[in-house]
């Protein structure tokens, strides 16, 4: 890929410039400034008039970018729900980028529109309404309250989709959906009801190893005959050990399986009785003993999930980001605040990891976990809690590279007092330090750093004299950062756009 030209670097820098006024930013919404659209429309906060212009822009790329802008309120982004382009609607459904934290829900009317949309016959629609709904399902933009309301919603499409929550519904809710006057809803309910019918499951179970077999054996009702056959063949035992519908006598036999991984799965079940739980707490395998010990009887399913996702999680949060950010079960139900508070002060260190991702912990629990000797506890707290002290947020930024794109969006990440990191071995850390406006002296020496990210950050630091910044605009290695420097007056930004071939002029 060829290196960007100076005009392109200027355009991207001006698009990122926090001091650029609306009249400058609006000039960037023309085809000649296409190279700056992602920076402008997706990666920064925008004045209200620029948001309005982006939402109604004729170019799909602009509307798609603003649909993903985490700094634009969901009510504003939601106005794109009727956009004529499926890719724009999919961007709205997919949610803001980076998609790592608890996302602001979309308004109810927007959710209804996306979830009940039909495919249209407009040309160029390369995404189906179903594909867009799938994006929405995994975006965390649907609050638990809305999902619960789908069960008896006036729109039959939403009631039909509510059958997907079948395992979380009460018997009365299931009966209501089975008896729904709309034939499509009742049909969907009958299909879901098979998940709790051992006979139906036995008929549906594929013989060959595949995703469908694993799904059925790990989650839904299972007959005694199927379970016995799996034991006899020593097949699918991990799925049986985790399945909440595995017959109790089979669970007891799995608890004595020679494979410690199977016993560990059994020890993580929510339905264990006190006797079996006590036996597993004396297991010869340490991991089995720990899993049984940290969660006494009685247990709930969501408590088990909360513990399981931090068991074995590395100190650098290198697992999937879902393991590091966000509450457990938030899609379907309210959180068990009292239990998380108990975990925060438990004598079991593992439970501190469970509590740390819970964003509604009290201030007292936050202070306790912020001083926890386990670095993963502190990192999880920094990633998730709005009251996490800035010091541990900065520590997490240094220690957890995978989460840096998200951490950079947080106001609680320190932006000053970073002088001690100017010589850090990691260029991303040096780049953060180079943005510090409170340094004792301008970061001039970092303008020659071997890493382009560091050079760009240093060139954008407003501590640099305006004369120096102006001179950097002609250096391809520093021009983008210099154009983003807020010391440049609006007149100079307009001039850069003029030189970059962008039409229009200052008002």
Protein backbone atom coordinates (compact mmCIF):
# COMPACT_ATOMS: atom_id res chain seq x y z
CA UNK A 1 0.00 0.00 0.00
CA UNK A 2 1.49 3.36 -0.99
CA UNK A 3 2.24 5.90 1.71
CA UNK A 4 -0.44 8.57 2.12
CA UNK A 5 0.25 11.92 0.52
CA UNK A 6 0.73 15.07 2.56
CA UNK A 7 -2.79 16.35 1.73
CA UNK A 8 -4.31 13.07 2.93
CA UNK A 9 -2.32 13.29 6.16
CA UNK A 10 -3.51 16.85 6.69
CA UNK A 11 -7.13 15.86 6.15
CA UNK A 12 -6.95 13.02 8.66
CA UNK A 13 -5.17 15.22 11.17
CA UNK A 14 -7.69 18.05 10.85
CA UNK A 15 -10.52 15.50 11.23
CA UNK A 16 -9.02 14.43 14.57
CA UNK A 17 -8.21 17.93 15.79
CA UNK A 18 -10.20 18.51 19.01
CA UNK A 19 -10.13 22.30 18.50
CA UNK A 20 -11.45 22.21 14.93
CA UNK A 21 -14.70 24.24 14.78
CA UNK A 22 -17.83 23.06 13.01
CA UNK A 23 -17.18 25.03 9.85
CA UNK A 24 -13.87 23.23 9.43
CA UNK A 25 -15.31 19.79 10.15
CA UNK A 26 -18.27 20.30 7.84
CA UNK A 27 -15.91 20.94 4.95
CA UNK A 28 -14.57 17.42 5.44
CA UNK A 29 -17.92 15.86 4.53
CA UNK A 30 -17.22 16.10 0.81
CA UNK A 31 -15.97 13.32 -1.49
CA UNK A 32 -12.57 14.99 -1.82
CA UNK A 33 -12.03 14.37 1.94
CA UNK A 34 -13.10 10.73 1.89
CA UNK A 35 -9.80 9.65 3.49
CA UNK A 36 -10.81 11.51 6.67
CA UNK A 37 -14.36 10.18 7.01
CA UNK A 38 -13.65 7.30 9.39
CA UNK A 39 -11.59 9.50 11.72
CA UNK A 40 -14.17 12.27 11.62
CA UNK A 41 -17.44 10.36 11.79
CA UNK A 42 -16.59 7.26 13.83
CA UNK A 43 -13.65 7.94 16.11
CA UNK A 44 -14.35 11.26 17.85
CA UNK A 45 -17.05 13.36 19.46
CA UNK A 46 -18.71 15.84 17.13
CA UNK A 47 -20.59 19.14 17.38
CA UNK A 48 -24.35 18.80 17.00
CA UNK A 49 -24.47 20.36 13.54
CA UNK A 50 -21.80 17.98 12.25
CA UNK A 51 -23.75 15.02 13.63
CA UNK A 52 -26.86 16.27 11.84
CA UNK A 53 -24.98 16.62 8.58
CA UNK A 54 -23.46 13.16 8.89
CA UNK A 55 -26.79 11.48 9.67
CA UNK A 56 -28.34 12.90 6.50
CA UNK A 57 -25.27 12.60 4.31
CA UNK A 58 -25.79 11.18 0.81
CA UNK A 59 -22.76 8.88 1.10
CA UNK A 60 -23.28 5.51 2.77
CA UNK A 61 -19.74 5.49 4.21
CA UNK A 62 -20.47 8.62 6.26
CA UNK A 63 -23.78 7.38 7.64
CA UNK A 64 -22.29 3.97 8.37
CA UNK A 65 -19.41 5.53 10.29
CA UNK A 66 -21.61 7.77 12.43
CA UNK A 67 -23.84 4.77 13.16
CA UNK A 68 -20.81 3.22 14.88
CA UNK A 69 -19.71 6.34 16.74
CA UNK A 70 -19.72 5.64 20.47
CA UNK A 71 -19.81 9.37 21.22
CA UNK A 72 -23.13 9.90 19.42
CA UNK A 73 -26.22 9.28 21.57
CA UNK A 74 -28.26 6.19 20.78
CA UNK A 75 -31.32 8.35 20.08
CA UNK A 76 -29.41 10.12 17.33
CA UNK A 77 -27.85 6.99 15.89
CA UNK A 78 -31.27 5.37 16.03
CA UNK A 79 -32.54 7.77 13.41
CA UNK A 80 -30.69 5.61 10.88
CA UNK A 81 -33.05 2.70 11.52
CA UNK A 82 -34.96 3.50 8.34
CA UNK A 83 -31.87 4.19 6.25
CA UNK A 84 -32.31 2.94 2.67
CA UNK A 85 -28.97 1.13 2.78
CA UNK A 86 -28.77 -2.23 4.55
CA UNK A 87 -25.11 -1.74 5.44
CA UNK A 88 -25.98 1.42 7.37
CA UNK A 89 -28.78 -0.36 9.24
CA UNK A 90 -26.37 -3.21 9.98
CA UNK A 91 -23.81 -0.76 11.38
CA UNK A 92 -26.49 0.68 13.66
CA UNK A 93 -27.49 -2.82 14.77
CA UNK A 94 -23.88 -3.85 15.33
CA UNK A 95 -23.33 -0.94 17.69
CA UNK A 96 -20.52 1.46 18.57
CA UNK A 97 -16.85 0.67 18.11
CA UNK A 98 -14.90 -0.49 19.97
CA UNK A 99 -17.62 -2.86 21.18
CA UNK A 100 -16.15 -3.87 24.51
CA UNK A 101 -18.22 -2.45 27.33
CA UNK A 102 -21.79 -2.01 28.49
CA UNK A 103 -23.35 -0.23 25.53
CA UNK A 104 -26.08 2.39 25.75
CA UNK A 105 -29.29 0.63 24.67
CA UNK A 106 -31.09 1.71 21.54
CA UNK A 107 -34.55 3.27 22.05
CA UNK A 108 -37.44 0.80 22.18
CA UNK A 109 -38.99 1.98 18.93
CA UNK A 110 -35.67 1.51 17.14
CA UNK A 111 -35.29 -2.00 18.56
CA UNK A 112 -38.81 -2.85 17.47
CA UNK A 113 -38.14 -1.61 13.95
CA UNK A 114 -34.91 -3.60 13.59
CA UNK A 115 -36.33 -6.78 15.09
CA UNK A 116 -39.51 -6.75 13.02
CA UNK A 117 -38.02 -5.56 9.73
CA UNK A 118 -38.71 -7.49 6.53
CA UNK A 119 -36.43 -7.92 3.55
CA UNK A 120 -37.08 -5.36 0.85
CA UNK A 121 -36.67 -5.45 -2.90
CA UNK A 122 -34.55 -2.34 -3.22
CA UNK A 123 -31.47 -2.91 -5.40
CA UNK A 124 -28.10 -3.42 -3.79
CA UNK A 125 -29.40 -4.83 -0.48
CA UNK A 126 -26.70 -7.41 0.20
CA UNK A 127 -27.72 -8.03 3.81
CA UNK A 128 -30.97 -9.63 4.90
CA UNK A 129 -33.16 -8.43 7.73
CA UNK A 130 -32.23 -11.63 9.58
CA UNK A 131 -28.52 -10.90 9.27
CA UNK A 132 -29.09 -7.40 10.64
CA UNK A 133 -31.07 -8.86 13.55
CA UNK A 134 -28.15 -11.18 14.28
CA UNK A 135 -25.84 -8.18 14.49
CA UNK A 136 -28.23 -6.57 16.97
CA UNK A 137 -28.49 -9.71 19.10
CA UNK A 138 -24.76 -9.66 19.84
CA UNK A 139 -24.38 -5.90 20.17
CA UNK A 140 -25.54 -5.56 23.81
CA UNK A 141 -27.88 -2.77 22.72
CA UNK A 142 -31.00 -4.71 23.78
CA UNK A 143 -31.65 -4.25 27.51
CA UNK A 144 -33.03 -7.06 29.67
CA UNK A 145 -36.24 -5.09 30.23
CA UNK A 146 -36.96 -5.00 26.49
CA UNK A 147 -36.33 -8.73 26.11
CA UNK A 148 -38.73 -9.47 28.92
CA UNK A 149 -41.32 -7.23 27.30
CA UNK A 150 -41.07 -9.19 24.05
CA UNK A 151 -42.87 -12.13 25.65
CA UNK A 152 -46.27 -10.40 25.57
CA UNK A 153 -45.50 -7.67 23.05
CA UNK A 154 -48.35 -6.65 20.72
CA UNK A 155 -46.22 -7.44 17.66
CA UNK A 156 -46.29 -11.18 16.92
CA UNK A 157 -42.77 -11.15 15.42
CA UNK A 158 -41.36 -10.08 18.78
CA UNK A 159 -43.36 -12.71 20.63
CA UNK A 160 -42.03 -15.32 18.21
CA UNK A 161 -38.47 -14.16 18.81
CA UNK A 162 -39.10 -14.24 22.57
CA UNK A 163 -39.39 -18.03 22.28
CA UNK A 164 -35.62 -17.97 21.83
CA UNK A 165 -35.45 -17.24 25.57
CA UNK A 166 -37.30 -20.50 26.24
CA UNK A 167 -34.91 -21.90 28.85
CA UNK A 168 -35.15 -18.64 30.83
CA UNK A 169 -38.95 -18.38 30.73
CA UNK A 170 -41.34 -19.37 33.49
CA UNK A 171 -43.80 -22.24 32.90
CA UNK A 172 -46.64 -19.70 32.66
CA UNK A 173 -44.79 -17.69 30.01
CA UNK A 174 -44.13 -20.85 28.01
CA UNK A 175 -47.77 -21.87 28.17
CA UNK A 176 -48.86 -18.43 27.00
CA UNK A 177 -46.58 -18.61 23.97
CA UNK A 178 -47.70 -22.15 23.14
CA UNK A 179 -51.31 -20.93 23.20
CA UNK A 180 -50.60 -17.71 21.31
CA UNK A 181 -53.36 -16.84 18.80
CA UNK A 182 -50.79 -16.10 16.11
CA UNK A 183 -49.90 -19.37 14.36
CA UNK A 184 -46.29 -18.35 13.74
CA UNK A 185 -45.75 -17.60 17.42
CA UNK A 186 -47.28 -20.87 18.61
CA UNK A 187 -45.30 -22.75 15.93
CA UNK A 188 -42.06 -21.17 17.16
CA UNK A 189 -43.03 -22.02 20.74
CA UNK A 190 -43.68 -25.67 19.86
CA UNK A 191 -40.32 -25.85 18.14
CA UNK A 192 -38.59 -24.44 21.22
CA UNK A 193 -40.57 -26.74 23.50
CA UNK A 194 -38.77 -29.67 21.91
CA UNK A 195 -35.66 -28.44 23.70
CA UNK A 196 -37.18 -29.63 26.97
CA UNK A 197 -38.61 -32.89 25.61
CA UNK A 198 -36.16 -35.81 26.09
CA UNK A 199 -37.99 -37.96 23.55
CA UNK A 200 -37.84 -35.22 20.91
CA UNK A 201 -34.19 -34.62 21.69
CA UNK A 202 -33.44 -38.30 21.19
CA UNK A 203 -35.11 -38.20 17.79
CA UNK A 204 -33.31 -34.98 16.79
CA UNK A 205 -29.82 -35.99 17.95
CA UNK A 206 -27.36 -36.41 15.06
CA UNK A 207 -25.19 -39.50 15.26
CA UNK A 208 -22.11 -37.85 13.78
CA UNK A 209 -19.99 -35.35 15.71
CA UNK A 210 -21.15 -31.85 14.79
CA UNK A 211 -22.19 -28.52 16.26
CA UNK A 212 -25.84 -29.61 16.44
CA UNK A 213 -24.99 -32.68 18.51
CA UNK A 214 -22.84 -30.66 20.90
CA UNK A 215 -25.58 -28.02 21.24
CA UNK A 216 -28.27 -30.59 22.12
CA UNK A 217 -26.14 -32.62 24.51
CA UNK A 218 -24.77 -29.57 26.29
CA UNK A 219 -27.91 -27.50 26.79
CA UNK A 220 -31.24 -29.25 26.36
CA UNK A 221 -33.31 -32.09 27.85
CA UNK A 222 -31.60 -35.43 27.55
CA UNK A 223 -33.09 -38.90 27.89
CA UNK A 224 -31.71 -41.56 30.19
CA UNK A 225 -31.05 -43.80 27.20
CA UNK A 226 -28.97 -41.21 25.37
CA UNK A 227 -26.98 -40.42 28.51
CA UNK A 228 -26.32 -44.10 29.16
CA UNK A 229 -25.17 -44.59 25.59
CA UNK A 230 -22.75 -41.66 25.85
CA UNK A 231 -21.28 -43.12 29.04
CA UNK A 232 -20.93 -46.56 27.48
CA UNK A 233 -19.15 -45.08 24.45
CA UNK A 234 -17.14 -42.59 26.55
CA UNK A 235 -18.38 -39.89 24.21
CA UNK A 236 -19.58 -36.31 24.78
CA UNK A 237 -18.90 -36.54 28.51
CA UNK A 238 -17.93 -32.87 28.87
CA UNK A 239 -21.26 -31.87 27.30
CA UNK A 240 -23.18 -34.17 29.64
CA UNK A 241 -21.27 -32.85 32.65
CA UNK A 242 -22.32 -29.27 31.85
CA UNK A 243 -25.89 -29.94 30.70
CA UNK A 244 -28.36 -28.78 33.39
CA UNK A 245 -30.84 -31.47 32.24
CA UNK A 246 -28.52 -34.47 32.55
CA UNK A 247 -30.20 -37.08 34.83
CA UNK A 248 -28.99 -36.89 38.42
CA UNK A 249 -27.66 -40.46 38.51
CA UNK A 250 -25.57 -39.77 35.41
CA UNK A 251 -24.19 -36.60 37.03
CA UNK A 252 -23.17 -38.62 40.09
CA UNK A 253 -21.32 -41.11 37.87
CA UNK A 254 -19.62 -38.32 35.95
CA UNK A 255 -18.43 -36.89 39.26
CA UNK A 256 -16.29 -40.04 39.58
CA UNK A 257 -15.03 -40.04 35.99
CA UNK A 258 -11.26 -40.56 35.71
CA UNK A 259 -10.90 -37.43 33.57
CA UNK A 260 -10.45 -34.39 35.88
CA UNK A 261 -11.84 -32.11 33.16
CA UNK A 262 -15.15 -33.94 33.36
CA UNK A 263 -15.19 -33.78 37.16
CA UNK A 264 -14.37 -30.08 36.95
CA UNK A 265 -17.42 -29.50 34.75
CA UNK A 266 -19.56 -31.36 37.26
CA UNK A 267 -18.15 -29.26 40.10
CA UNK A 268 -19.32 -26.14 38.25
CA UNK A 269 -22.97 -27.23 38.01
CA UNK A 270 -25.69 -25.15 39.63
CA UNK A 271 -27.84 -28.13 40.72
CA UNK A 272 -25.37 -30.11 42.84
CA UNK A 273 -26.60 -31.32 46.17
CA UNK A 274 -24.59 -30.72 49.34
CA UNK A 275 -23.33 -34.32 49.58
CA UNK A 276 -21.93 -34.50 46.04
CA UNK A 277 -20.54 -30.99 46.37
CA UNK A 278 -18.73 -32.00 49.56
CA UNK A 279 -17.26 -35.06 47.83
CA UNK A 280 -15.93 -32.93 44.98
CA UNK A 281 -14.42 -30.51 47.48
CA UNK A 282 -12.15 -33.43 48.51
CA UNK A 283 -11.25 -34.41 44.93
CA UNK A 284 -7.59 -35.29 44.26
CA UNK A 285 -7.45 -32.65 41.51
CA UNK A 286 -6.83 -29.15 42.85
CA UNK A 287 -8.88 -27.42 40.14
CA UNK A 288 -11.88 -29.62 40.94
CA UNK A 289 -11.53 -28.93 44.67
CA UNK A 290 -11.27 -25.20 44.09
CA UNK A 291 -14.33 -25.07 41.83
CA UNK A 292 -16.40 -26.99 44.36
CA UNK A 293 -15.15 -25.01 47.36
CA UNK A 294 -15.56 -21.43 46.12
CA UNK A 295 -19.29 -21.72 45.53
CA UNK A 296 -21.21 -23.40 48.35
CA UNK A 297 -24.71 -24.80 48.14
CA UNK A 298 -27.21 -23.44 47.07
CA UNK A 299 -26.13 -22.02 43.70
CA UNK A 300 -27.76 -20.29 40.75
CA UNK A 301 -27.00 -20.74 37.07
CA UNK A 302 -25.78 -17.16 36.58
CA UNK A 303 -23.49 -17.39 39.59
CA UNK A 304 -21.92 -20.47 38.04
CA UNK A 305 -21.45 -18.67 34.72
CA UNK A 306 -19.88 -15.69 36.48
CA UNK A 307 -17.33 -17.93 38.18
CA UNK A 308 -16.61 -20.10 35.18
CA UNK A 309 -15.66 -17.20 32.95
CA UNK A 310 -12.84 -16.08 35.26
CA UNK A 311 -11.52 -19.55 36.07
CA UNK A 312 -8.25 -19.87 34.24
CA UNK A 313 -8.37 -16.34 32.84
CA UNK A 314 -4.82 -15.10 32.39
CA UNK A 315 -3.57 -12.00 34.18
CA UNK A 316 -3.34 -10.17 30.85
CA UNK A 317 -7.01 -10.78 29.96
CA UNK A 318 -5.96 -12.55 26.78
CA UNK A 319 -9.21 -14.49 26.51
CA UNK A 320 -12.12 -13.22 24.44
CA UNK A 321 -13.04 -9.74 25.53
CA UNK A 322 -16.42 -10.93 26.80
CA UNK A 323 -14.45 -12.60 29.59
CA UNK A 324 -12.96 -9.28 30.56
CA UNK A 325 -15.69 -6.73 30.11
CA UNK A 326 -19.34 -6.59 30.99
CA UNK A 327 -21.83 -8.22 33.36
CA UNK A 328 -22.99 -11.82 33.29
CA UNK A 329 -26.53 -12.48 32.17
CA UNK A 330 -27.27 -8.84 31.48
CA UNK A 331 -29.08 -9.75 28.26
CA UNK A 332 -31.88 -11.55 30.04
CA UNK A 333 -32.15 -10.57 33.68
CA UNK A 334 -31.27 -8.13 36.41
CA UNK A 335 -28.01 -8.67 38.22
CA UNK A 336 -27.67 -10.15 41.70
CA UNK A 337 -26.04 -7.14 43.33
CA UNK A 338 -25.91 -8.62 46.82
CA UNK A 339 -24.09 -11.73 45.67
CA UNK A 340 -21.43 -9.73 43.84
CA UNK A 341 -20.90 -7.61 46.95
CA UNK A 342 -20.38 -10.81 48.94
CA UNK A 343 -17.87 -12.02 46.36
CA UNK A 344 -15.92 -8.76 46.67
CA UNK A 345 -15.21 -9.40 50.38
CA UNK A 346 -15.00 -13.20 50.25
CA UNK A 347 -11.94 -14.95 51.74
CA UNK A 348 -11.77 -16.85 48.42
CA UNK A 349 -9.46 -14.87 46.10
CA UNK A 350 -11.11 -16.30 42.98
CA UNK A 351 -14.41 -14.65 43.92
CA UNK A 352 -12.73 -11.24 43.88
CA UNK A 353 -12.22 -11.82 40.14
CA UNK A 354 -15.90 -12.61 39.84
CA UNK A 355 -16.92 -9.38 41.55
CA UNK A 356 -14.52 -7.08 39.73
CA UNK A 357 -16.34 -7.00 36.32
CA UNK A 358 -19.63 -6.03 38.03
CA UNK A 359 -20.06 -2.33 37.26
CA UNK A 360 -22.57 -1.65 40.05
CA UNK A 361 -20.39 -2.52 43.05
CA UNK A 362 -20.49 -0.10 45.94
CA UNK A 363 -17.70 2.41 46.46
CA UNK A 364 -16.46 0.48 49.47
CA UNK A 365 -16.10 -2.72 47.44
CA UNK A 366 -14.35 -0.82 44.65
CA UNK A 367 -11.80 0.57 47.09
CA UNK A 368 -11.18 -2.90 48.48
CA UNK A 369 -10.73 -4.53 45.07
CA UNK A 370 -8.55 -1.68 43.81
CA UNK A 371 -6.00 -2.70 46.45
CA UNK A 372 -6.32 -6.45 45.76
CA UNK A 373 -2.97 -8.25 45.44
CA UNK A 374 -4.23 -10.11 42.34
CA UNK A 375 -3.42 -7.99 39.25
CA UNK A 376 -6.30 -9.56 37.30
CA UNK A 377 -8.77 -8.32 39.90
CA UNK A 378 -7.44 -4.79 39.52
CA UNK A 379 -7.47 -5.03 35.72
CA UNK A 380 -11.03 -6.32 35.59
CA UNK A 381 -12.12 -3.54 37.93
CA UNK A 382 -10.34 -0.94 35.82
CA UNK A 383 -12.00 -2.21 32.66
CA UNK A 384 -15.51 -2.27 34.07
CA UNK A 385 -16.25 0.02 36.97
CA UNK A 386 -16.89 3.77 36.53
CA UNK A 387 -15.41 4.43 39.99
CA UNK A 388 -12.17 2.53 39.37
CA UNK A 389 -9.24 4.69 40.53
CA UNK A 390 -7.28 6.25 37.70
CA UNK A 391 -4.04 4.65 38.89
CA UNK A 392 -5.28 1.11 38.27
CA UNK A 393 -6.82 2.14 34.94
CA UNK A 394 -3.40 3.34 33.85
CA UNK A 395 -1.84 0.13 35.15
CA UNK A 396 -4.34 -1.87 33.10
CA UNK A 397 -3.47 0.15 29.99
CA UNK A 398 0.19 -0.73 30.42
CA UNK A 399 -0.39 -4.38 31.31
CA UNK A 400 -3.29 -5.36 29.04
CA UNK A 401 -2.48 -4.42 25.42
CA UNK A 402 -5.55 -6.16 24.03
CA UNK A 403 -7.89 -3.82 25.87
CA UNK A 404 -6.15 -0.54 24.97
CA UNK A 405 -8.60 0.51 22.22
CA UNK A 406 -11.39 0.39 24.81
CA UNK A 407 -9.39 1.97 27.62
CA UNK A 408 -8.53 4.92 25.38
CA UNK A 409 -12.24 5.76 25.22
CA UNK A 410 -12.55 6.08 29.01
CA UNK A 411 -12.43 9.43 30.73
CA UNK A 412 -11.00 7.72 33.82
CA UNK A 413 -7.78 6.83 31.95
CA UNK A 414 -5.26 9.45 33.13
CA UNK A 415 -4.12 11.90 30.48
CA UNK A 416 -1.62 13.76 32.67
CA UNK A 417 1.12 12.73 35.06
CA UNK A 418 2.53 10.36 32.45
CA UNK A 419 6.09 11.66 32.25
CA UNK A 420 7.49 8.47 33.77
CA UNK A 421 6.23 6.53 30.74
CA UNK A 422 7.93 8.60 28.04
CA UNK A 423 10.74 6.02 27.73
CA UNK A 424 8.56 2.93 28.10
CA UNK A 425 9.52 -0.02 25.90
CA UNK A 426 6.00 -0.33 24.46
CA UNK A 427 5.34 2.29 21.75
CA UNK A 428 1.60 2.43 22.55
CA UNK A 429 2.46 3.40 26.11
CA UNK A 430 4.96 6.01 24.93
CA UNK A 431 2.30 7.36 22.58
CA UNK A 432 -0.12 7.83 25.47
CA UNK A 433 2.58 9.60 27.48
CA UNK A 434 3.37 11.81 24.48
CA UNK A 435 -0.17 13.24 24.62
CA UNK A 436 0.27 14.50 28.20
CA UNK A 437 -0.42 18.23 28.28
CA UNK A 438 1.07 18.56 31.73
CA UNK A 439 4.61 17.45 30.93
CA UNK A 440 7.39 19.56 32.34
CA UNK A 441 8.55 20.31 28.80
CA UNK A 442 7.20 19.64 25.29
CA UNK A 443 7.87 16.07 24.04
CA UNK A 444 10.20 17.30 21.29
CA UNK A 445 12.55 14.32 21.47
CA UNK A 446 9.65 11.95 20.73
CA UNK A 447 9.18 13.63 17.36
CA UNK A 448 12.06 11.43 16.20
CA UNK A 449 10.81 8.26 17.90
CA UNK A 450 11.17 5.15 15.69
CA UNK A 451 7.44 4.38 16.01
CA UNK A 452 4.98 6.40 13.87
CA UNK A 453 2.25 6.22 16.52
CA UNK A 454 4.54 7.92 19.04
CA UNK A 455 5.64 10.55 16.56
CA UNK A 456 2.05 11.35 15.65
CA UNK A 457 1.03 11.67 19.31
CA UNK A 458 4.00 13.92 20.09
CA UNK A 459 3.31 16.16 17.10
CA UNK A 460 -0.28 16.63 18.31
CA UNK A 461 0.69 17.72 21.83
CA UNK A 462 -0.36 21.36 22.38
CA UNK A 463 2.74 22.00 24.49
CA UNK A 464 4.69 22.32 21.25
CA UNK A 465 5.19 25.92 20.10
CA UNK A 466 2.86 26.83 17.25
CA UNK A 467 5.82 27.75 15.05
CA UNK A 468 7.28 24.27 15.47
CA UNK A 469 3.91 22.65 14.79
CA UNK A 470 3.59 24.67 11.58
CA UNK A 471 6.98 23.49 10.41
CA UNK A 472 6.03 19.85 11.06
CA UNK A 473 3.14 20.07 8.60
CA UNK A 474 5.57 19.61 5.71
CA UNK A 475 7.15 16.45 7.15
CA UNK A 476 5.31 13.28 6.01
CA UNK A 477 6.35 11.52 9.23
CA UNK A 478 4.76 14.20 11.41
CA UNK A 479 2.17 15.99 9.29
CA UNK A 480 -0.90 14.07 10.48
CA UNK A 481 -0.12 14.64 14.14
CA UNK A 482 0.73 18.28 13.55
CA UNK A 483 -2.58 18.87 11.73
CA UNK A 484 -4.36 17.40 14.76
CA UNK A 485 -2.62 19.79 17.15
CA UNK A 486 -5.15 22.12 18.82
CA UNK A 487 -2.70 25.03 18.85
CA UNK A 488 -3.34 25.57 15.14
CA UNK A 489 -5.91 28.33 14.63
CA UNK A 490 -9.03 27.71 12.58
CA UNK A 491 -7.68 29.84 9.75
CA UNK A 492 -4.68 27.54 9.41
CA UNK A 493 -6.93 24.45 9.42
CA UNK A 494 -9.00 25.97 6.61
CA UNK A 495 -5.81 26.67 4.71
CA UNK A 496 -4.76 23.02 5.05
CA UNK A 497 -8.10 21.97 3.62
CA UNK A 498 -7.64 24.42 0.77
CA UNK A 499 -4.21 22.93 0.02
CA UNK A 500 -5.72 19.45 0.26
CA UNK A 501 -8.16 20.22 -2.52
CA UNK A 502 -11.25 20.39 -0.30
CA UNK A 503 -13.84 22.81 -1.68
CA UNK A 504 -15.61 25.38 0.43
CA UNK A 505 -14.32 28.17 2.60
CA UNK A 506 -14.59 29.54 6.09
CA UNK A 507 -17.82 31.37 6.84
